[in-house]
Amino acid sequence: MCARPLWGGETQPLPLSRYPGTDRSLGIWRAPEDPRLNPVRLVAFGLGAMDAFIRFTNQTQGRDRLFRATQYTCMLLRYLLEPKAGKKKVVMKLKKLESSVSTGRKWFRLGNVVHAIQATEQSIHATDLVPRLCLTLANLNRVIYFICDTILWVRSVGLTSGINKEKWRTRAAHHYCFSLLLSLVRDLYEISLQMKRVTRDRAKKEKSASQDSLGYSVADEETEWLQSFLLLLFRSLKQHPPLLLDTVKNLCDILNPLDQLGIYKSNPGIIGLGGLVSSIAGMITVAYPQMKLKTR
């Protein structure tokens, strides 16, 4: 690379060091490499992702969440493809896959009774009264739900035929619904505490700020009450991601038992979408334990 002087004459070579990506030994210029495209870093990232996936699938809860997400994805796709012409074979394959995955999940849930009993013992020692009461009753209902689910599994594999399938399925749906309702009560309690905490912190900031500043106020007189409440709720959940995940998960999960009990009928598309969102939230809490809502 050369530069021609303004006054004419012979050109003088410019030092290659002035140009990024220059190879001095060859005297040529190369484009600077993007560190994100470094092969070593890409391989390290791939190995890290593979290791995280292996650790996730090695956990029983991780495999169950993965199977559950697959099951509800099949349900959602089947609902979307059924009205379309020429998709009958695809719908049948999705239905078979959904049934197979549902059967496989029952094997993972056989030991959930023990986990629910352990969760009940842990919730008894919670310091706060409301979470202790809600979680203990919710976990007890989960124990009964898993017992009913195991009885239904025994009938489905043909070990016994003297079990009323509809009766036990209704019992399981009742206890599952009670468990989720109690969990939602606990979530609402935690949300109220978080909103009070955010309001208190905001009041401290406004008190310490100068009177001439135009800082945000949750209770602004010019803002309508509903807008203030929704904004406060948004800020509270934004500052507490585990609480947001737990609330979304329970709200999505409760659609299924409400539909089975005839309390609130939903189509398979809504149930499939809710189950998929709930499964993704559950997968996040399994992969990142710090995102799980802790018991105080």
Protein backbone atom coordinates (compact mmCIF):
# COMPACT_ATOMS: atom_id res chain seq x y z
CA MET A 1 0.00 0.00 0.00
CA CYS A 2 1.40 3.35 -1.05
CA ALA A 3 0.58 7.02 -0.72
CA ARG A 4 1.24 9.66 -3.36
CA PRO A 5 2.54 12.96 -1.92
CA LEU A 6 0.51 16.05 -2.61
CA TRP A 7 3.48 17.75 -4.29
CA GLY A 8 4.08 14.86 -6.73
CA GLY A 9 7.06 12.59 -6.98
CA GLU A 10 7.54 8.94 -6.20
CA THR A 11 5.09 7.12 -4.03
CA GLN A 12 6.20 6.04 -0.57
CA PRO A 13 5.05 2.76 1.00
CA LEU A 14 2.97 3.19 4.12
CA PRO A 15 3.76 1.04 7.16
CA LEU A 16 1.58 -2.05 7.22
CA SER A 17 1.16 -1.73 10.98
CA ARG A 18 -1.29 1.10 10.39
CA TYR A 19 -3.82 -1.30 8.90
CA PRO A 20 -5.70 -3.86 11.00
CA GLY A 21 -5.36 -7.46 9.94
CA THR A 22 -2.09 -6.90 8.06
CA ASP A 23 0.31 -9.81 7.66
CA ARG A 24 3.79 -8.25 7.85
CA SER A 25 5.64 -11.34 6.64
CA LEU A 26 3.67 -11.46 3.39
CA GLY A 27 3.02 -7.78 3.04
CA ILE A 28 -0.70 -8.32 2.45
CA TRP A 29 -3.81 -7.05 4.16
CA ARG A 30 -6.40 -9.36 5.73
CA ALA A 31 -9.80 -8.56 7.16
CA PRO A 32 -9.84 -8.61 10.98
CA GLU A 33 -11.31 -11.81 12.39
CA ASP A 34 -14.56 -11.66 14.35
CA PRO A 35 -13.85 -13.19 17.79
CA ARG A 36 -17.37 -14.63 17.79
CA LEU A 37 -16.45 -16.70 14.71
CA ASN A 38 -13.29 -18.11 16.27
CA PRO A 39 -13.40 -21.90 15.67
CA VAL A 40 -11.97 -22.62 19.12
CA ARG A 41 -14.66 -20.54 20.79
CA LEU A 42 -17.38 -22.09 18.66
CA VAL A 43 -16.21 -25.60 19.58
CA ALA A 44 -16.03 -24.64 23.26
CA PHE A 45 -19.54 -23.19 23.10
CA GLY A 46 -20.85 -26.34 21.41
CA LEU A 47 -19.23 -28.59 24.00
CA GLY A 48 -20.63 -26.44 26.81
CA ALA A 49 -24.13 -26.58 25.35
CA MET A 50 -23.85 -30.34 24.89
CA ASP A 51 -22.66 -30.79 28.48
CA ALA A 52 -25.57 -28.68 29.77
CA PHE A 53 -28.03 -30.74 27.71
CA ILE A 54 -26.57 -34.01 29.03
CA ARG A 55 -26.82 -32.79 32.63
CA PHE A 56 -30.39 -31.68 31.96
CA THR A 57 -31.49 -35.01 30.46
CA ASN A 58 -29.72 -36.98 33.21
CA GLN A 59 -32.29 -35.61 35.66
CA THR A 60 -35.64 -37.35 35.88
CA GLN A 61 -37.46 -34.02 36.04
CA GLY A 62 -35.54 -32.81 32.99
CA ARG A 63 -36.58 -35.83 30.92
CA ASP A 64 -40.17 -35.49 32.10
CA ARG A 65 -40.27 -31.80 31.13
CA LEU A 66 -38.81 -32.64 27.72
CA PHE A 67 -41.37 -35.39 27.12
CA ARG A 68 -44.13 -33.11 28.38
CA ALA A 69 -43.13 -30.33 25.99
CA THR A 70 -43.15 -32.85 23.13
CA GLN A 71 -46.59 -34.14 24.14
CA TYR A 72 -48.23 -30.71 24.24
CA THR A 73 -46.46 -29.62 21.06
CA CYS A 74 -48.05 -32.59 19.29
CA MET A 75 -51.44 -31.64 20.74
CA LEU A 76 -51.08 -28.05 19.54
CA LEU A 77 -49.90 -29.04 16.05
CA ARG A 78 -52.67 -31.62 15.75
CA TYR A 79 -55.27 -28.97 16.59
CA LEU A 80 -53.81 -26.56 14.02
CA LEU A 81 -53.57 -29.16 11.24
CA GLU A 82 -56.91 -30.95 11.70
CA PRO A 83 -59.02 -28.36 9.79
CA LYS A 84 -56.64 -28.41 6.81
CA ALA A 85 -57.21 -30.78 3.92
CA GLY A 86 -54.64 -33.44 3.11
CA LYS A 87 -53.18 -33.49 6.63
CA LYS A 88 -54.97 -36.58 7.89
CA LYS A 89 -51.85 -38.79 7.89
CA VAL A 90 -49.78 -36.15 9.65
CA VAL A 91 -52.50 -35.70 12.27
CA MET A 92 -52.62 -39.46 12.89
CA LYS A 93 -48.84 -39.60 13.31
CA LEU A 94 -48.94 -36.70 15.75
CA LYS A 95 -51.72 -38.41 17.69
CA LYS A 96 -49.71 -41.65 17.94
CA LEU A 97 -46.59 -39.76 19.01
CA GLU A 98 -48.58 -37.85 21.63
CA SER A 99 -49.98 -41.11 23.02
CA SER A 100 -46.54 -42.75 23.09
CA VAL A 101 -44.94 -39.79 24.86
CA SER A 102 -47.80 -39.66 27.38
CA THR A 103 -47.26 -43.35 28.17
CA GLY A 104 -43.52 -42.79 28.56
CA ARG A 105 -44.09 -39.90 30.95
CA LYS A 106 -46.03 -42.18 33.29
CA TRP A 107 -42.82 -44.14 33.94
CA PHE A 108 -41.08 -40.94 35.02
CA ARG A 109 -43.97 -40.04 37.34
CA LEU A 110 -43.94 -43.31 39.28
CA GLY A 111 -41.46 -41.90 41.78
CA ASN A 112 -43.14 -38.51 42.09
CA VAL A 113 -45.11 -39.66 45.13
CA VAL A 114 -41.87 -39.80 47.11
CA HIS A 115 -40.80 -36.37 45.83
CA ALA A 116 -44.19 -34.90 46.77
CA ILE A 117 -43.91 -36.35 50.29
CA GLN A 118 -40.43 -34.85 50.67
CA ALA A 119 -41.73 -31.49 49.42
CA THR A 120 -44.52 -31.67 52.01
CA GLU A 121 -41.99 -32.24 54.80
CA GLN A 122 -39.93 -29.27 53.61
CA SER A 123 -42.91 -26.93 53.31
CA ILE A 124 -43.94 -27.63 56.91
CA HIS A 125 -40.76 -25.85 58.06
CA ALA A 126 -41.44 -22.64 56.11
CA THR A 127 -41.16 -19.57 58.33
CA ASP A 128 -44.04 -17.59 56.81
CA LEU A 129 -47.53 -18.83 57.72
CA VAL A 130 -49.25 -18.32 54.34
CA PRO A 131 -46.63 -20.11 52.20
CA ARG A 132 -46.36 -22.86 54.82
CA LEU A 133 -50.11 -23.50 54.80
CA CYS A 134 -50.57 -23.21 51.03
CA LEU A 135 -47.54 -25.29 50.06
CA THR A 136 -48.23 -28.02 52.62
CA LEU A 137 -51.83 -28.46 51.46
CA ALA A 138 -50.77 -28.19 47.80
CA ASN A 139 -48.13 -30.89 48.21
CA LEU A 140 -50.57 -33.16 50.06
CA ASN A 141 -52.97 -32.84 47.14
CA ARG A 142 -50.09 -33.62 44.78
CA VAL A 143 -49.38 -36.80 46.75
CA ILE A 144 -53.00 -37.93 46.32
CA TYR A 145 -52.92 -36.90 42.65
CA PHE A 146 -49.83 -39.02 41.96
CA ILE A 147 -51.40 -41.97 43.80
CA CYS A 148 -54.48 -41.69 41.57
CA ASP A 149 -52.23 -41.36 38.53
CA THR A 150 -50.35 -44.52 39.52
CA ILE A 151 -53.63 -46.42 39.90
CA LEU A 152 -54.66 -45.28 36.42
CA TRP A 153 -51.29 -46.45 35.09
CA VAL A 154 -51.79 -49.88 36.70
CA ARG A 155 -55.11 -50.19 34.88
CA SER A 156 -53.69 -48.94 31.56
CA VAL A 157 -50.95 -51.61 31.48
CA GLY A 158 -53.52 -54.32 32.21
CA LEU A 159 -52.35 -55.37 35.68
CA THR A 160 -55.93 -55.16 36.90
CA SER A 161 -59.32 -54.55 35.31
CA GLY A 162 -61.48 -53.78 38.34
CA ILE A 163 -60.69 -50.06 38.38
CA ASN A 164 -63.20 -47.43 37.28
CA LYS A 165 -61.09 -45.32 34.93
CA GLU A 166 -63.38 -42.28 34.79
CA LYS A 167 -63.84 -42.21 38.56
CA TRP A 168 -60.11 -42.21 39.30
CA ARG A 169 -59.39 -39.77 36.50
CA THR A 170 -61.92 -37.33 37.99
CA ARG A 171 -60.36 -37.76 41.44
CA ALA A 172 -56.91 -37.09 40.01
CA ALA A 173 -58.16 -33.95 38.24
CA HIS A 174 -59.78 -32.68 41.46
CA HIS A 175 -56.63 -33.02 43.55
CA TYR A 176 -54.44 -31.64 40.77
CA CYS A 177 -56.73 -28.61 40.49
CA PHE A 178 -56.70 -28.06 44.28
CA SER A 179 -52.90 -28.25 44.27
CA LEU A 180 -52.60 -25.64 41.53
CA LEU A 181 -55.17 -23.33 43.13
CA LEU A 182 -53.26 -23.40 46.42
CA SER A 183 -50.01 -22.75 44.57
CA LEU A 184 -51.62 -19.76 42.86
CA VAL A 185 -52.77 -18.42 46.23
CA ARG A 186 -49.18 -18.61 47.39
CA ASP A 187 -48.06 -16.83 44.20
CA LEU A 188 -50.59 -14.04 44.76
CA TYR A 189 -49.34 -13.64 48.32
CA GLU A 190 -45.74 -13.41 47.13
CA ILE A 191 -46.76 -10.92 44.43
CA SER A 192 -48.47 -8.70 47.01
CA LEU A 193 -45.33 -8.72 49.16
CA GLN A 194 -43.18 -7.92 46.14
CA MET A 195 -45.47 -5.04 45.13
CA LYS A 196 -45.28 -3.60 48.65
CA ARG A 197 -41.50 -3.88 48.53
CA VAL A 198 -41.29 -2.11 45.16
CA THR A 199 -43.64 0.65 46.35
CA ARG A 200 -41.59 1.13 49.52
CA ASP A 201 -38.32 1.32 47.58
CA ARG A 202 -39.85 3.78 45.13
CA ALA A 203 -41.10 5.96 47.98
CA LYS A 204 -37.60 6.03 49.51
CA LYS A 205 -36.07 7.10 46.20
CA GLU A 206 -38.65 9.85 45.73
CA LYS A 207 -38.12 11.05 49.29
CA SER A 208 -34.36 11.28 48.84
CA ALA A 209 -34.67 13.00 45.44
CA SER A 210 -35.01 16.77 45.12
CA GLN A 211 -38.47 18.26 44.89
CA ASP A 212 -37.72 19.75 41.48
CA SER A 213 -36.98 16.36 39.89
CA LEU A 214 -39.59 14.72 37.71
CA GLY A 215 -39.12 11.19 38.99
CA TYR A 216 -41.68 8.48 38.36
CA SER A 217 -44.39 7.95 40.97
CA VAL A 218 -46.49 4.81 41.07
CA ALA A 219 -49.31 6.72 42.73
CA ASP A 220 -49.14 9.65 40.30
CA GLU A 221 -52.34 11.68 40.51
CA GLU A 222 -52.51 12.02 36.73
CA THR A 223 -52.30 8.26 36.18
CA GLU A 224 -55.37 6.14 36.36
CA TRP A 225 -55.56 3.54 39.12
CA LEU A 226 -55.64 0.54 36.80
CA GLN A 227 -52.63 1.73 34.82
CA SER A 228 -50.71 2.35 38.04
CA PHE A 229 -51.59 -1.11 39.34
CA LEU A 230 -50.58 -2.87 36.11
CA LEU A 231 -47.33 -0.95 35.91
CA LEU A 232 -46.55 -1.77 39.53
CA LEU A 233 -47.35 -5.43 38.87
CA PHE A 234 -45.07 -5.43 35.83
CA ARG A 235 -42.20 -3.87 37.76
CA SER A 236 -42.68 -6.29 40.66
CA LEU A 237 -42.58 -9.40 38.44
CA LYS A 238 -39.71 -7.98 36.40
CA GLN A 239 -37.60 -7.73 39.55
CA HIS A 240 -38.52 -11.30 40.61
CA PRO A 241 -38.20 -13.68 37.59
CA PRO A 242 -38.68 -16.89 39.66
CA LEU A 243 -42.05 -15.59 40.87
CA LEU A 244 -43.04 -14.72 37.29
CA LEU A 245 -42.10 -18.20 36.03
CA ASP A 246 -43.97 -19.95 38.84
CA THR A 247 -47.11 -17.87 38.32
CA VAL A 248 -47.13 -18.40 34.54
CA LYS A 249 -46.52 -22.12 35.00
CA ASN A 250 -49.41 -22.58 37.44
CA LEU A 251 -51.81 -20.47 35.35
CA CYS A 252 -51.03 -22.54 32.24
CA ASP A 253 -51.23 -25.86 34.10
CA ILE A 254 -54.63 -25.21 35.62
CA LEU A 255 -56.32 -25.08 32.20
CA ASN A 256 -56.15 -28.86 31.84
CA PRO A 257 -57.91 -29.91 35.10
CA LEU A 258 -60.50 -27.15 34.69
CA ASP A 259 -61.32 -28.59 31.27
CA GLN A 260 -61.47 -32.18 32.55
CA LEU A 261 -63.80 -31.20 35.39
CA GLY A 262 -66.03 -29.16 33.07
CA ILE A 263 -65.49 -25.97 35.06
CA TYR A 264 -63.93 -24.06 32.18
CA LYS A 265 -63.95 -25.79 28.80
CA SER A 266 -61.01 -25.17 26.50
CA ASN A 267 -60.11 -26.52 23.09
CA PRO A 268 -57.04 -28.76 22.58
CA GLY A 269 -55.17 -25.84 21.02
CA ILE A 270 -55.41 -23.70 24.16
CA ILE A 271 -54.52 -26.65 26.40
CA GLY A 272 -51.61 -27.59 24.14
CA LEU A 273 -50.26 -24.04 24.08
CA GLY A 274 -50.63 -23.70 27.86
CA GLY A 275 -48.94 -27.05 28.44
CA LEU A 276 -46.06 -26.10 26.13
CA VAL A 277 -45.49 -22.75 27.88
CA SER A 278 -45.68 -24.45 31.28
CA SER A 279 -43.21 -27.13 30.16
CA ILE A 280 -40.73 -24.51 28.93
CA ALA A 281 -41.01 -22.69 32.27
CA GLY A 282 -40.40 -25.98 34.07
CA MET A 283 -37.39 -26.74 31.87
CA ILE A 284 -35.90 -23.35 32.76
CA THR A 285 -36.23 -24.05 36.49
CA VAL A 286 -34.61 -27.47 36.07
CA ALA A 287 -31.73 -26.15 33.96
CA TYR A 288 -31.26 -23.10 36.19
CA PRO A 289 -32.17 -23.97 39.82
CA GLN A 290 -31.75 -20.32 40.84
CA MET A 291 -34.87 -19.55 38.78
CA LYS A 292 -37.03 -21.76 41.00
CA LEU A 293 -39.20 -19.93 43.51
CA LYS A 294 -37.69 -20.45 46.94
CA THR A 295 -39.68 -21.18 50.10
CA ARG A 296 -39.11 -18.65 52.85
